[in-house]
Amino acid sequence: QVQLAESGGDSVQAGGSLRHSCADSGFTHSTYCMAWFRQAPGKEREGVAGIGSDEVPSYADSVKGRFTISQDNAKDTLYLQMNTLKPEDTAMYYCAATARWCLGSETFVPGAYVYWGQGTQVTVSS
């Protein structure tokens, strides 16, 4: 049974940093396409950062240069390091995984993902 367990949400001031973790089980981590999504109240879920089947990371323009996605295959854990946080980064953040082959911007399609974490809240105050 595939499970994704997230941690790392918090409330911070603008300019601060947070690191999300997503511990997964039930599948071979390195063979899956994985990503981080976020959803703010009243807005659609959007892809933030993803690691494609080629293990190349992709980022939404809004977070490029500030967020870094990485994975530790030995620990079956996906990370999202978020630096220089802005109030507009406030949202519920979710990790997601799929066995489907995906590359580049394909990692940002919510419908491509089968497995989702429970979500963790990030609140950035100005």
PDB file of N, CA and C in Angstrom:
ATOM      1  N   GLN A   1       0.839  -1.188   0.000  1.00  0.00           N
ATOM      2  CA  GLN A   1       0.000   0.000   0.000  1.00  0.00           C
ATOM      3  C   GLN A   1       0.884   1.251   0.000  1.00  0.00           C
ATOM      4  N   VAL A   2       0.639   2.130  -0.963  1.00  0.00           N
ATOM      5  CA  VAL A   2       1.426   3.350  -1.075  1.00  0.00           C
ATOM      6  C   VAL A   2       0.955   4.369  -0.054  1.00  0.00           C
ATOM      7  N   GLN A   3       1.900   4.957   0.645  1.00  0.00           N
ATOM      8  CA  GLN A   3       1.582   6.001   1.607  1.00  0.00           C
ATOM      9  C   GLN A   3       2.586   7.137   1.479  1.00  0.00           C
ATOM     10  N   LEU A   4       2.102   8.350   1.604  1.00  0.00           N
ATOM     11  CA  LEU A   4       2.944   9.536   1.597  1.00  0.00           C
ATOM     12  C   LEU A   4       2.666  10.301   2.880  1.00  0.00           C
ATOM     13  N   ALA A   5       3.691  10.520   3.675  1.00  0.00           N
ATOM     14  CA  ALA A   5       3.532  11.209   4.962  1.00  0.00           C
ATOM     15  C   ALA A   5       4.371  12.478   4.955  1.00  0.00           C
ATOM     16  N   GLU A   6       3.702  13.609   5.031  1.00  0.00           N
ATOM     17  CA  GLU A   6       4.379  14.893   4.956  1.00  0.00           C
ATOM     18  C   GLU A   6       4.642  15.486   6.328  1.00  0.00           C
ATOM     19  N   SER A   7       5.643  16.348   6.359  1.00  0.00           N
ATOM     20  CA  SER A   7       5.912  17.142   7.550  1.00  0.00           C
ATOM     21  C   SER A   7       6.640  18.405   7.122  1.00  0.00           C
ATOM     22  N   GLY A   8       6.636  19.412   7.983  1.00  0.00           N
ATOM     23  CA  GLY A   8       7.399  20.614   7.703  1.00  0.00           C
ATOM     24  C   GLY A   8       6.603  21.889   7.576  1.00  0.00           C
ATOM     25  N   GLY A   9       5.295  21.812   7.568  1.00  0.00           N
ATOM     26  CA  GLY A   9       4.516  23.040   7.482  1.00  0.00           C
ATOM     27  C   GLY A   9       4.660  23.888   8.728  1.00  0.00           C
ATOM     28  N   ASP A  10       4.524  25.203   8.565  1.00  0.00           N
ATOM     29  CA  ASP A  10       4.682  26.097   9.717  1.00  0.00           C
ATOM     30  C   ASP A  10       4.253  27.505   9.312  1.00  0.00           C
ATOM     31  N   SER A  11       4.314  28.408  10.288  1.00  0.00           N
ATOM     32  CA  SER A  11       4.069  29.815  10.031  1.00  0.00           C
ATOM     33  C   SER A  11       5.388  30.550  10.176  1.00  0.00           C
ATOM     34  N   VAL A  12       5.723  31.342   9.162  1.00  0.00           N
ATOM     35  CA  VAL A  12       6.986  32.078   9.169  1.00  0.00           C
ATOM     36  C   VAL A  12       6.752  33.487   8.657  1.00  0.00           C
ATOM     37  N   GLN A  13       7.725  34.334   8.884  1.00  0.00           N
ATOM     38  CA  GLN A  13       7.665  35.690   8.341  1.00  0.00           C
ATOM     39  C   GLN A  13       8.287  35.701   6.953  1.00  0.00           C
ATOM     40  N   ALA A  14       7.904  36.678   6.185  1.00  0.00           N
ATOM     41  CA  ALA A  14       8.445  36.834   4.839  1.00  0.00           C
ATOM     42  C   ALA A  14       9.970  36.892   4.904  1.00  0.00           C
ATOM     43  N   GLY A  15      10.585  36.199   3.956  1.00  0.00           N
ATOM     44  CA  GLY A  15      12.039  36.123   3.928  1.00  0.00           C
ATOM     45  C   GLY A  15      12.589  34.903   4.631  1.00  0.00           C
ATOM     46  N   GLY A  16      11.742  34.200   5.358  1.00  0.00           N
ATOM     47  CA  GLY A  16      12.173  33.024   6.089  1.00  0.00           C
ATOM     48  C   GLY A  16      12.261  31.790   5.218  1.00  0.00           C
ATOM     49  N   SER A  17      12.605  30.668   5.855  1.00  0.00           N
ATOM     50  CA  SER A  17      12.792  29.406   5.145  1.00  0.00           C
ATOM     51  C   SER A  17      12.071  28.272   5.868  1.00  0.00           C
ATOM     52  N   LEU A  18      11.692  27.279   5.084  1.00  0.00           N
ATOM     53  CA  LEU A  18      11.107  26.059   5.612  1.00  0.00           C
ATOM     54  C   LEU A  18      11.562  24.896   4.755  1.00  0.00           C
ATOM     55  N   ARG A  19      11.537  23.705   5.338  1.00  0.00           N
ATOM     56  CA  ARG A  19      11.811  22.509   4.555  1.00  0.00           C
ATOM     57  C   ARG A  19      10.707  21.491   4.791  1.00  0.00           C
ATOM     58  N   HIS A  20      10.087  21.100   3.699  1.00  0.00           N
ATOM     59  CA  HIS A  20       9.086  20.037   3.735  1.00  0.00           C
ATOM     60  C   HIS A  20       9.745  18.699   3.494  1.00  0.00           C
ATOM     61  N   SER A  21       9.205  17.670   4.154  1.00  0.00           N
ATOM     62  CA  SER A  21       9.639  16.300   3.898  1.00  0.00           C
ATOM     63  C   SER A  21       8.418  15.463   3.557  1.00  0.00           C
ATOM     64  N   CYS A  22       8.626  14.479   2.703  1.00  0.00           N
ATOM     65  CA  CYS A  22       7.538  13.564   2.322  1.00  0.00           C
ATOM     66  C   CYS A  22       8.129  12.157   2.332  1.00  0.00           C
ATOM     67  N   ALA A  23       7.825  11.433   3.372  1.00  0.00           N
ATOM     68  CA  ALA A  23       8.323  10.063   3.495  1.00  0.00           C
ATOM     69  C   ALA A  23       7.335   9.124   2.825  1.00  0.00           C
ATOM     70  N   ASP A  24       7.831   8.329   1.903  1.00  0.00           N
ATOM     71  CA  ASP A  24       6.924   7.450   1.182  1.00  0.00           C
ATOM     72  C   ASP A  24       7.228   5.977   1.451  1.00  0.00           C
ATOM     73  N   SER A  25       6.250   5.169   1.236  1.00  0.00           N
ATOM     74  CA  SER A  25       6.399   3.730   1.422  1.00  0.00           C
ATOM     75  C   SER A  25       5.453   3.009   0.478  1.00  0.00           C
ATOM     76  N   GLY A  26       5.795   1.771   0.188  1.00  0.00           N
ATOM     77  CA  GLY A  26       4.925   0.960  -0.648  1.00  0.00           C
ATOM     78  C   GLY A  26       5.272   0.971  -2.119  1.00  0.00           C
ATOM     79  N   PHE A  27       6.335   1.707  -2.496  1.00  0.00           N
ATOM     80  CA  PHE A  27       6.750   1.684  -3.893  1.00  0.00           C
ATOM     81  C   PHE A  27       8.238   1.999  -3.972  1.00  0.00           C
ATOM     82  N   THR A  28       8.817   1.740  -5.143  1.00  0.00           N
ATOM     83  CA  THR A  28      10.232   2.023  -5.356  1.00  0.00           C
ATOM     84  C   THR A  28      10.377   3.491  -5.691  1.00  0.00           C
ATOM     85  N   HIS A  29      10.874   4.225  -4.738  1.00  0.00           N
ATOM     86  CA  HIS A  29      10.921   5.679  -4.799  1.00  0.00           C
ATOM     87  C   HIS A  29      11.556   6.184  -6.078  1.00  0.00           C
ATOM     88  N   SER A  30      12.665   5.619  -6.457  1.00  0.00           N
ATOM     89  CA  SER A  30      13.442   6.167  -7.563  1.00  0.00           C
ATOM     90  C   SER A  30      12.772   5.965  -8.914  1.00  0.00           C
ATOM     91  N   THR A  31      11.790   5.097  -9.017  1.00  0.00           N
ATOM     92  CA  THR A  31      11.152   4.844 -10.312  1.00  0.00           C
ATOM     93  C   THR A  31       9.883   5.655 -10.513  1.00  0.00           C
ATOM     94  N   TYR A  32       9.492   6.411  -9.521  1.00  0.00           N
ATOM     95  CA  TYR A  32       8.268   7.177  -9.601  1.00  0.00           C
ATOM     96  C   TYR A  32       8.551   8.627  -9.963  1.00  0.00           C
ATOM     97  N   CYS A  33       7.580   9.247 -10.581  1.00  0.00           N
ATOM     98  CA  CYS A  33       7.588  10.672 -10.807  1.00  0.00           C
ATOM     99  C   CYS A  33       6.969  11.308  -9.569  1.00  0.00           C
ATOM    100  N   MET A  34       7.634  12.318  -9.005  1.00  0.00           N
ATOM    101  CA  MET A  34       7.130  12.906  -7.767  1.00  0.00           C
ATOM    102  C   MET A  34       7.146  14.425  -7.859  1.00  0.00           C
ATOM    103  N   ALA A  35       6.279  15.053  -7.101  1.00  0.00           N
ATOM    104  CA  ALA A  35       6.181  16.504  -7.174  1.00  0.00           C
ATOM    105  C   ALA A  35       5.572  17.072  -5.904  1.00  0.00           C
ATOM    106  N   TRP A  36       5.741  18.368  -5.771  1.00  0.00           N
ATOM    107  CA  TRP A  36       5.080  19.152  -4.733  1.00  0.00           C
ATOM    108  C   TRP A  36       4.062  20.067  -5.396  1.00  0.00           C
ATOM    109  N   PHE A  37       2.871  20.093  -4.825  1.00  0.00           N
ATOM    110  CA  PHE A  37       1.819  20.984  -5.273  1.00  0.00           C
ATOM    111  C   PHE A  37       1.410  21.870  -4.102  1.00  0.00           C
ATOM    112  N   ARG A  38       0.711  22.935  -4.416  1.00  0.00           N
ATOM    113  CA  ARG A  38       0.148  23.761  -3.358  1.00  0.00           C
ATOM    114  C   ARG A  38      -1.215  24.273  -3.797  1.00  0.00           C
ATOM    115  N   GLN A  39      -2.017  24.573  -2.792  1.00  0.00           N
ATOM    116  CA  GLN A  39      -3.341  25.102  -3.067  1.00  0.00           C
ATOM    117  C   GLN A  39      -3.696  26.131  -2.018  1.00  0.00           C
ATOM    118  N   ALA A  40      -3.931  27.341  -2.488  1.00  0.00           N
ATOM    119  CA  ALA A  40      -4.358  28.430  -1.618  1.00  0.00           C
ATOM    120  C   ALA A  40      -5.884  28.497  -1.635  1.00  0.00           C
ATOM    121  N   PRO A  41      -6.492  29.060  -0.598  1.00  0.00           N
ATOM    122  CA  PRO A  41      -7.958  29.151  -0.561  1.00  0.00           C
ATOM    123  C   PRO A  41      -8.512  29.851  -1.789  1.00  0.00           C
ATOM    124  N   GLY A  42      -9.489  29.222  -2.418  1.00  0.00           N
ATOM    125  CA  GLY A  42     -10.128  29.822  -3.576  1.00  0.00           C
ATOM    126  C   GLY A  42      -9.352  29.689  -4.865  1.00  0.00           C
ATOM    127  N   LYS A  43      -8.230  28.991  -4.828  1.00  0.00           N
ATOM    128  CA  LYS A  43      -7.409  28.833  -6.027  1.00  0.00           C
ATOM    129  C   LYS A  43      -7.257  27.364  -6.381  1.00  0.00           C
ATOM    130  N   GLU A  44      -6.894  27.127  -7.625  1.00  0.00           N
ATOM    131  CA  GLU A  44      -6.671  25.764  -8.075  1.00  0.00           C
ATOM    132  C   GLU A  44      -5.332  25.244  -7.542  1.00  0.00           C
ATOM    133  N   ARG A  45      -5.252  23.921  -7.463  1.00  0.00           N
ATOM    134  CA  ARG A  45      -3.991  23.306  -7.062  1.00  0.00           C
ATOM    135  C   ARG A  45      -2.968  23.533  -8.176  1.00  0.00           C
ATOM    136  N   GLU A  46      -1.768  23.937  -7.805  1.00  0.00           N
ATOM    137  CA  GLU A  46      -0.746  24.219  -8.797  1.00  0.00           C
ATOM    138  C   GLU A  46       0.542  23.480  -8.468  1.00  0.00           C
ATOM    139  N   GLY A  47       1.242  23.073  -9.521  1.00  0.00           N
ATOM    140  CA  GLY A  47       2.526  22.417  -9.339  1.00  0.00           C
ATOM    141  C   GLY A  47       3.583  23.432  -8.950  1.00  0.00           C
ATOM    142  N   VAL A  48       4.394  23.079  -7.999  1.00  0.00           N
ATOM    143  CA  VAL A  48       5.448  23.964  -7.501  1.00  0.00           C
ATOM    144  C   VAL A  48       6.816  23.476  -7.970  1.00  0.00           C
ATOM    145  N   ALA A  49       7.084  22.202  -7.748  1.00  0.00           N
ATOM    146  CA  ALA A  49       8.360  21.613  -8.134  1.00  0.00           C
ATOM    147  C   ALA A  49       8.150  20.116  -8.335  1.00  0.00           C
ATOM    148  N   GLY A  50       8.847  19.552  -9.301  1.00  0.00           N
ATOM    149  CA  GLY A  50       8.689  18.132  -9.586  1.00  0.00           C
ATOM    150  C   GLY A  50       9.993  17.497  -9.994  1.00  0.00           C
ATOM    151  N   ILE A  51      10.083  16.202  -9.806  1.00  0.00           N
ATOM    152  CA  ILE A  51      11.219  15.436 -10.299  1.00  0.00           C
ATOM    153  C   ILE A  51      10.664  14.409 -11.271  1.00  0.00           C
ATOM    154  N   GLY A  52      11.059  14.536 -12.523  1.00  0.00           N
ATOM    155  CA  GLY A  52      10.541  13.665 -13.555  1.00  0.00           C
ATOM    156  C   GLY A  52      11.148  12.274 -13.519  1.00  0.00           C
ATOM    157  N   SER A  53      10.666  11.457 -14.392  1.00  0.00           N
ATOM    158  CA  SER A  53      11.160  10.080 -14.474  1.00  0.00           C
ATOM    159  C   SER A  53      12.638  10.044 -14.847  1.00  0.00           C
ATOM    160  N   ASP A  54      13.138  11.130 -15.425  1.00  0.00           N
ATOM    161  CA  ASP A  54      14.568  11.229 -15.752  1.00  0.00           C
ATOM    162  C   ASP A  54      15.366  11.818 -14.599  1.00  0.00           C
ATOM    163  N   GLU A  55      14.666  12.048 -13.461  1.00  0.00           N
ATOM    164  CA  GLU A  55      15.271  12.605 -12.246  1.00  0.00           C
ATOM    165  C   GLU A  55      15.779  14.026 -12.441  1.00  0.00           C
ATOM    166  N   VAL A  56      15.239  14.709 -13.422  1.00  0.00           N
ATOM    167  CA  VAL A  56      15.564  16.116 -13.640  1.00  0.00           C
ATOM    168  C   VAL A  56      14.492  16.961 -12.950  1.00  0.00           C
ATOM    169  N   PRO A  57      14.871  17.928 -12.126  1.00  0.00           N
ATOM    170  CA  PRO A  57      13.878  18.756 -11.441  1.00  0.00           C
ATOM    171  C   PRO A  57      13.304  19.841 -12.346  1.00  0.00           C
ATOM    172  N   SER A  58      12.051  20.191 -12.074  1.00  0.00           N
ATOM    173  CA  SER A  58      11.393  21.287 -12.758  1.00  0.00           C
ATOM    174  C   SER A  58      10.742  22.171 -11.708  1.00  0.00           C
ATOM    175  N   TYR A  59      10.626  23.461 -12.025  1.00  0.00           N
ATOM    176  CA  TYR A  59      10.074  24.412 -11.068  1.00  0.00           C
ATOM    177  C   TYR A  59       9.084  25.342 -11.741  1.00  0.00           C
ATOM    178  N   ALA A  60       8.079  25.725 -10.995  1.00  0.00           N
ATOM    179  CA  ALA A  60       7.186  26.772 -11.465  1.00  0.00           C
ATOM    180  C   ALA A  60       7.961  28.085 -11.469  1.00  0.00           C
ATOM    181  N   ASP A  61       7.616  28.968 -12.397  1.00  0.00           N
ATOM    182  CA  ASP A  61       8.327  30.241 -12.509  1.00  0.00           C
ATOM    183  C   ASP A  61       8.271  31.025 -11.199  1.00  0.00           C
ATOM    184  N   SER A  62       7.185  30.906 -10.474  1.00  0.00           N
ATOM    185  CA  SER A  62       6.992  31.690  -9.260  1.00  0.00           C
ATOM    186  C   SER A  62       7.947  31.298  -8.136  1.00  0.00           C
ATOM    187  N   VAL A  63       8.571  30.120  -8.239  1.00  0.00           N
ATOM    188  CA  VAL A  63       9.448  29.676  -7.155  1.00  0.00           C
ATOM    189  C   VAL A  63      10.883  29.436  -7.604  1.00  0.00           C
ATOM    190  N   LYS A  64      11.156  29.612  -8.881  1.00  0.00           N
ATOM    191  CA  LYS A  64      12.512  29.378  -9.380  1.00  0.00           C
ATOM    192  C   LYS A  64      13.510  30.257  -8.643  1.00  0.00           C
ATOM    193  N   GLY A  65      14.614  29.648  -8.245  1.00  0.00           N
ATOM    194  CA  GLY A  65      15.646  30.383  -7.527  1.00  0.00           C
ATOM    195  C   GLY A  65      15.407  30.464  -6.035  1.00  0.00           C
ATOM    196  N   ARG A  66      14.191  30.080  -5.588  1.00  0.00           N
ATOM    197  CA  ARG A  66      13.890  30.133  -4.154  1.00  0.00           C
ATOM    198  C   ARG A  66      13.628  28.752  -3.568  1.00  0.00           C
ATOM    199  N   PHE A  67      13.028  27.875  -4.339  1.00  0.00           N
ATOM    200  CA  PHE A  67      12.684  26.534  -3.871  1.00  0.00           C
ATOM    201  C   PHE A  67      13.595  25.502  -4.526  1.00  0.00           C
ATOM    202  N   THR A  68      13.892  24.439  -3.785  1.00  0.00           N
ATOM    203  CA  THR A  68      14.699  23.343  -4.312  1.00  0.00           C
ATOM    204  C   THR A  68      14.059  22.018  -3.937  1.00  0.00           C
ATOM    205  N   ILE A  69      13.809  21.201  -4.951  1.00  0.00           N
ATOM    206  CA  ILE A  69      13.274  19.866  -4.712  1.00  0.00           C
ATOM    207  C   ILE A  69      14.415  18.866  -4.771  1.00  0.00           C
ATOM    208  N   SER A  70      14.373  17.894  -3.886  1.00  0.00           N
ATOM    209  CA  SER A  70      15.404  16.863  -3.881  1.00  0.00           C
ATOM    210  C   SER A  70      14.806  15.576  -3.324  1.00  0.00           C
ATOM    211  N   GLN A  71      15.510  14.490  -3.508  1.00  0.00           N
ATOM    212  CA  GLN A  71      15.025  13.217  -2.975  1.00  0.00           C
ATOM    213  C   GLN A  71      16.203  12.389  -2.494  1.00  0.00           C
ATOM    214  N   ASP A  72      15.928  11.625  -1.474  1.00  0.00           N
ATOM    215  CA  ASP A  72      16.896  10.693  -0.930  1.00  0.00           C
ATOM    216  C   ASP A  72      16.315   9.303  -1.154  1.00  0.00           C
ATOM    217  N   ASN A  73      16.784   8.640  -2.179  1.00  0.00           N
ATOM    218  CA  ASN A  73      16.217   7.337  -2.527  1.00  0.00           C
ATOM    219  C   ASN A  73      16.474   6.298  -1.440  1.00  0.00           C
ATOM    220  N   ALA A  74      17.585   6.436  -0.745  1.00  0.00           N
ATOM    221  CA  ALA A  74      17.895   5.481   0.327  1.00  0.00           C
ATOM    222  C   ALA A  74      16.906   5.610   1.481  1.00  0.00           C
ATOM    223  N   LYS A  75      16.423   6.835   1.710  1.00  0.00           N
ATOM    224  CA  LYS A  75      15.471   7.072   2.791  1.00  0.00           C
ATOM    225  C   LYS A  75      14.033   7.137   2.300  1.00  0.00           C
ATOM    226  N   ASP A  76      13.851   6.978   0.978  1.00  0.00           N
ATOM    227  CA  ASP A  76      12.508   7.069   0.405  1.00  0.00           C
ATOM    228  C   ASP A  76      11.820   8.362   0.841  1.00  0.00           C
ATOM    229  N   THR A  77      12.522   9.452   0.715  1.00  0.00           N
ATOM    230  CA  THR A  77      11.994  10.738   1.167  1.00  0.00           C
ATOM    231  C   THR A  77      12.203  11.802   0.104  1.00  0.00           C
ATOM    232  N   LEU A  78      11.169  12.593  -0.097  1.00  0.00           N
ATOM    233  CA  LEU A  78      11.200  13.738  -1.004  1.00  0.00           C
ATOM    234  C   LEU A  78      11.235  15.001  -0.158  1.00  0.00           C
ATOM    235  N   TYR A  79      12.014  15.979  -0.578  1.00  0.00           N
ATOM    236  CA  TYR A  79      12.151  17.212   0.176  1.00  0.00           C
ATOM    237  C   TYR A  79      11.788  18.426  -0.696  1.00  0.00           C
ATOM    238  N   LEU A  80      11.380  19.473  -0.026  1.00  0.00           N
ATOM    239  CA  LEU A  80      11.205  20.763  -0.677  1.00  0.00           C
ATOM    240  C   LEU A  80      11.778  21.825   0.248  1.00  0.00           C
ATOM    241  N   GLN A  81      12.908  22.376  -0.152  1.00  0.00           N
ATOM    242  CA  GLN A  81      13.519  23.472   0.600  1.00  0.00           C
ATOM    243  C   GLN A  81      12.967  24.780   0.056  1.00  0.00           C
ATOM    244  N   MET A  82      12.377  25.571   0.930  1.00  0.00           N
ATOM    245  CA  MET A  82      11.760  26.825   0.509  1.00  0.00           C
ATOM    246  C   MET A  82      12.481  27.973   1.191  1.00  0.00           C
ATOM    247  N   ASN A  83      13.105  28.821   0.402  1.00  0.00           N
ATOM    248  CA  ASN A  83      13.829  29.979   0.914  1.00  0.00           C
ATOM    249  C   ASN A  83      13.182  31.261   0.435  1.00  0.00           C
ATOM    250  N   THR A  84      13.514  32.344   1.096  1.00  0.00           N
ATOM    251  CA  THR A  84      12.998  33.671   0.740  1.00  0.00           C
ATOM    252  C   THR A  84      11.489  33.616   0.540  1.00  0.00           C
ATOM    253  N   LEU A  85      10.813  33.096   1.514  1.00  0.00           N
ATOM    254  CA  LEU A  85       9.368  32.922   1.405  1.00  0.00           C
ATOM    255  C   LEU A  85       8.641  34.252   1.323  1.00  0.00           C
ATOM    256  N   LYS A  86       7.547  34.242   0.571  1.00  0.00           N
ATOM    257  CA  LYS A  86       6.730  35.426   0.364  1.00  0.00           C
ATOM    258  C   LYS A  86       5.302  35.139   0.843  1.00  0.00           C
ATOM    259  N   PRO A  87       4.555  36.181   1.172  1.00  0.00           N
ATOM    260  CA  PRO A  87       3.164  35.953   1.586  1.00  0.00           C
ATOM    261  C   PRO A  87       2.356  35.172   0.555  1.00  0.00           C
ATOM    262  N   GLU A  88       2.661  35.359  -0.715  1.00  0.00           N
ATOM    263  CA  GLU A  88       1.926  34.632  -1.757  1.00  0.00           C
ATOM    264  C   GLU A  88       2.275  33.149  -1.811  1.00  0.00           C
ATOM    265  N   ASP A  89       3.246  32.719  -1.032  1.00  0.00           N
ATOM    266  CA  ASP A  89       3.544  31.288  -0.929  1.00  0.00           C
ATOM    267  C   ASP A  89       2.623  30.592   0.075  1.00  0.00           C
ATOM    268  N   THR A  90       1.816  31.368   0.770  1.00  0.00           N
ATOM    269  CA  THR A  90       0.888  30.796   1.741  1.00  0.00           C
ATOM    270  C   THR A  90      -0.092  29.857   1.056  1.00  0.00           C
ATOM    271  N   ALA A  91      -0.130  28.619   1.518  1.00  0.00           N
ATOM    272  CA  ALA A  91      -0.984  27.601   0.904  1.00  0.00           C
ATOM    273  C   ALA A  91      -0.839  26.295   1.664  1.00  0.00           C
ATOM    274  N   MET A  92      -1.685  25.343   1.307  1.00  0.00           N
ATOM    275  CA  MET A  92      -1.510  23.971   1.758  1.00  0.00           C
ATOM    276  C   MET A  92      -0.606  23.289   0.736  1.00  0.00           C
ATOM    277  N   TYR A  93       0.417  22.639   1.203  1.00  0.00           N
ATOM    278  CA  TYR A  93       1.382  21.993   0.319  1.00  0.00           C
ATOM    279  C   TYR A  93       1.208  20.481   0.385  1.00  0.00           C
ATOM    280  N   TYR A  94       1.245  19.861  -0.801  1.00  0.00           N
ATOM    281  CA  TYR A  94       1.038  18.419  -0.914  1.00  0.00           C
ATOM    282  C   TYR A  94       2.180  17.789  -1.714  1.00  0.00           C
ATOM    283  N   CYS A  95       2.605  16.621  -1.300  1.00  0.00           N
ATOM    284  CA  CYS A  95       3.486  15.846  -2.160  1.00  0.00           C
ATOM    285  C   CYS A  95       2.620  14.824  -2.900  1.00  0.00           C
ATOM    286  N   ALA A  96       3.109  14.425  -4.060  1.00  0.00           N
ATOM    287  CA  ALA A  96       2.357  13.508  -4.904  1.00  0.00           C
ATOM    288  C   ALA A  96       3.306  12.574  -5.635  1.00  0.00           C
ATOM    289  N   ALA A  97       2.820  11.403  -5.971  1.00  0.00           N
ATOM    290  CA  ALA A  97       3.650  10.414  -6.648  1.00  0.00           C
ATOM    291  C   ALA A  97       2.816   9.636  -7.653  1.00  0.00           C
ATOM    292  N   THR A  98       3.484   9.202  -8.708  1.00  0.00           N
ATOM    293  CA  THR A  98       2.827   8.373  -9.702  1.00  0.00           C
ATOM    294  C   THR A  98       3.853   7.492 -10.386  1.00  0.00           C
ATOM    295  N   ALA A  99       3.414   6.293 -10.798  1.00  0.00           N
ATOM    296  CA  ALA A  99       4.300   5.401 -11.535  1.00  0.00           C
ATOM    297  C   ALA A  99       4.328   5.779 -13.010  1.00  0.00           C
ATOM    298  N   ARG A 100       3.482   6.700 -13.398  1.00  0.00           N
ATOM    299  CA  ARG A 100       3.401   7.119 -14.795  1.00  0.00           C
ATOM    300  C   ARG A 100       4.669   7.853 -15.198  1.00  0.00           C
ATOM    301  N   TRP A 101       5.123   7.617 -16.425  1.00  0.00           N
ATOM    302  CA  TRP A 101       6.292   8.309 -16.942  1.00  0.00           C
ATOM    303  C   TRP A 101       5.962   9.782 -17.122  1.00  0.00           C
ATOM    304  N   CYS A 102       6.826  10.684 -16.638  1.00  0.00           N
ATOM    305  CA  CYS A 102       6.571  12.105 -16.823  1.00  0.00           C
ATOM    306  C   CYS A 102       7.893  12.844 -16.918  1.00  0.00           C
ATOM    307  N   LEU A 103       7.877  13.894 -17.695  1.00  0.00           N
ATOM    308  CA  LEU A 103       9.064  14.704 -17.928  1.00  0.00           C
ATOM    309  C   LEU A 103       8.694  16.174 -17.866  1.00  0.00           C
ATOM    310  N   GLY A 104       9.613  17.001 -17.376  1.00  0.00           N
ATOM    311  CA  GLY A 104       9.456  18.448 -17.416  1.00  0.00           C
ATOM    312  C   GLY A 104       8.123  18.931 -16.874  1.00  0.00           C
ATOM    313  N   SER A 105       7.425  19.708 -17.686  1.00  0.00           N
ATOM    314  CA  SER A 105       6.168  20.313 -17.243  1.00  0.00           C
ATOM    315  C   SER A 105       5.070  19.284 -16.988  1.00  0.00           C
ATOM    316  N   GLU A 106       5.257  18.071 -17.481  1.00  0.00           N
ATOM    317  CA  GLU A 106       4.275  17.011 -17.209  1.00  0.00           C
ATOM    318  C   GLU A 106       4.201  16.712 -15.729  1.00  0.00           C
ATOM    319  N   THR A 107       5.274  17.051 -15.005  1.00  0.00           N
ATOM    320  CA  THR A 107       5.260  16.778 -13.563  1.00  0.00           C
ATOM    321  C   THR A 107       4.295  17.692 -12.827  1.00  0.00           C
ATOM    322  N   PHE A 108       3.772  18.723 -13.493  1.00  0.00           N
ATOM    323  CA  PHE A 108       2.890  19.689 -12.844  1.00  0.00           C
ATOM    324  C   PHE A 108       1.412  19.467 -13.158  1.00  0.00           C
ATOM    325  N   VAL A 109       1.089  18.334 -13.702  1.00  0.00           N
ATOM    326  CA  VAL A 109      -0.303  18.036 -14.027  1.00  0.00           C
ATOM    327  C   VAL A 109      -0.915  17.239 -12.888  1.00  0.00           C
ATOM    328  N   PRO A 110      -1.794  17.836 -12.076  1.00  0.00           N
ATOM    329  CA  PRO A 110      -2.340  17.129 -10.907  1.00  0.00           C
ATOM    330  C   PRO A 110      -3.014  15.810 -11.273  1.00  0.00           C
ATOM    331  N   GLY A 111      -3.687  15.790 -12.411  1.00  0.00           N
ATOM    332  CA  GLY A 111      -4.409  14.594 -12.804  1.00  0.00           C
ATOM    333  C   GLY A 111      -3.517  13.406 -13.116  1.00  0.00           C
ATOM    334  N   ALA A 112      -2.220  13.651 -13.261  1.00  0.00           N
ATOM    335  CA  ALA A 112      -1.298  12.560 -13.560  1.00  0.00           C
ATOM    336  C   ALA A 112      -0.922  11.770 -12.315  1.00  0.00           C
ATOM    337  N   TYR A 113      -1.247  12.316 -11.156  1.00  0.00           N
ATOM    338  CA  TYR A 113      -0.796  11.709  -9.913  1.00  0.00           C
ATOM    339  C   TYR A 113      -1.893  10.888  -9.250  1.00  0.00           C
ATOM    340  N   VAL A 114      -1.466   9.738  -8.778  1.00  0.00           N
ATOM    341  CA  VAL A 114      -2.388   8.805  -8.144  1.00  0.00           C
ATOM    342  C   VAL A 114      -2.337   8.908  -6.626  1.00  0.00           C
ATOM    343  N   TYR A 115      -1.155   9.158  -6.113  1.00  0.00           N
ATOM    344  CA  TYR A 115      -0.962   9.141  -4.667  1.00  0.00           C
ATOM    345  C   TYR A 115      -0.654  10.544  -4.157  1.00  0.00           C
ATOM    346  N   TRP A 116      -1.290  10.894  -3.043  1.00  0.00           N
ATOM    347  CA  TRP A 116      -1.145  12.233  -2.474  1.00  0.00           C
ATOM    348  C   TRP A 116      -0.919  12.148  -0.971  1.00  0.00           C
ATOM    349  N   GLY A 117      -0.089  13.086  -0.468  1.00  0.00           N
ATOM    350  CA  GLY A 117       0.050  13.224   0.963  1.00  0.00           C
ATOM    351  C   GLY A 117      -1.143  13.957   1.547  1.00  0.00           C
ATOM    352  N   GLN A 118      -1.158  14.070   2.861  1.00  0.00           N
ATOM    353  CA  GLN A 118      -2.297  14.671   3.546  1.00  0.00           C
ATOM    354  C   GLN A 118      -2.275  16.199   3.490  1.00  0.00           C
ATOM    355  N   GLY A 119      -1.117  16.758   3.142  1.00  0.00           N
ATOM    356  CA  GLY A 119      -0.993  18.208   3.059  1.00  0.00           C
ATOM    357  C   GLY A 119      -0.502  18.822   4.352  1.00  0.00           C
ATOM    358  N   THR A 120       0.310  19.855   4.228  1.00  0.00           N
ATOM    359  CA  THR A 120       0.768  20.614   5.395  1.00  0.00           C
ATOM    360  C   THR A 120       0.642  22.100   5.077  1.00  0.00           C
ATOM    361  N   GLN A 121       0.236  22.868   6.062  1.00  0.00           N
ATOM    362  CA  GLN A 121      -0.041  24.284   5.864  1.00  0.00           C
ATOM    363  C   GLN A 121       1.218  25.117   6.026  1.00  0.00           C
ATOM    364  N   VAL A 122       1.414  26.010   5.072  1.00  0.00           N
ATOM    365  CA  VAL A 122       2.483  27.012   5.161  1.00  0.00           C
ATOM    366  C   VAL A 122       1.822  28.382   5.156  1.00  0.00           C
ATOM    367  N   THR A 123       2.131  29.187   6.154  1.00  0.00           N
ATOM    368  CA  THR A 123       1.604  30.536   6.255  1.00  0.00           C
ATOM    369  C   THR A 123       2.768  31.499   6.362  1.00  0.00           C
ATOM    370  N   VAL A 124       2.826  32.435   5.431  1.00  0.00           N
ATOM    371  CA  VAL A 124       3.905  33.416   5.402  1.00  0.00           C
ATOM    372  C   VAL A 124       3.306  34.792   5.664  1.00  0.00           C
ATOM    373  N   SER A 125       3.746  35.432   6.713  1.00  0.00           N
ATOM    374  CA  SER A 125       3.231  36.752   7.075  1.00  0.00           C
ATOM    375  C   SER A 125       4.203  37.832   6.637  1.00  0.00           C
ATOM    376  N   SER A 126       3.627  38.966   6.294  1.00  0.00           N
ATOM    377  CA  SER A 126       4.470  40.078   5.808  1.00  0.00           C
ATOM    378  C   SER A 126       4.998  40.907   6.955  1.00  0.00           C
TER     379      SER A 126
END
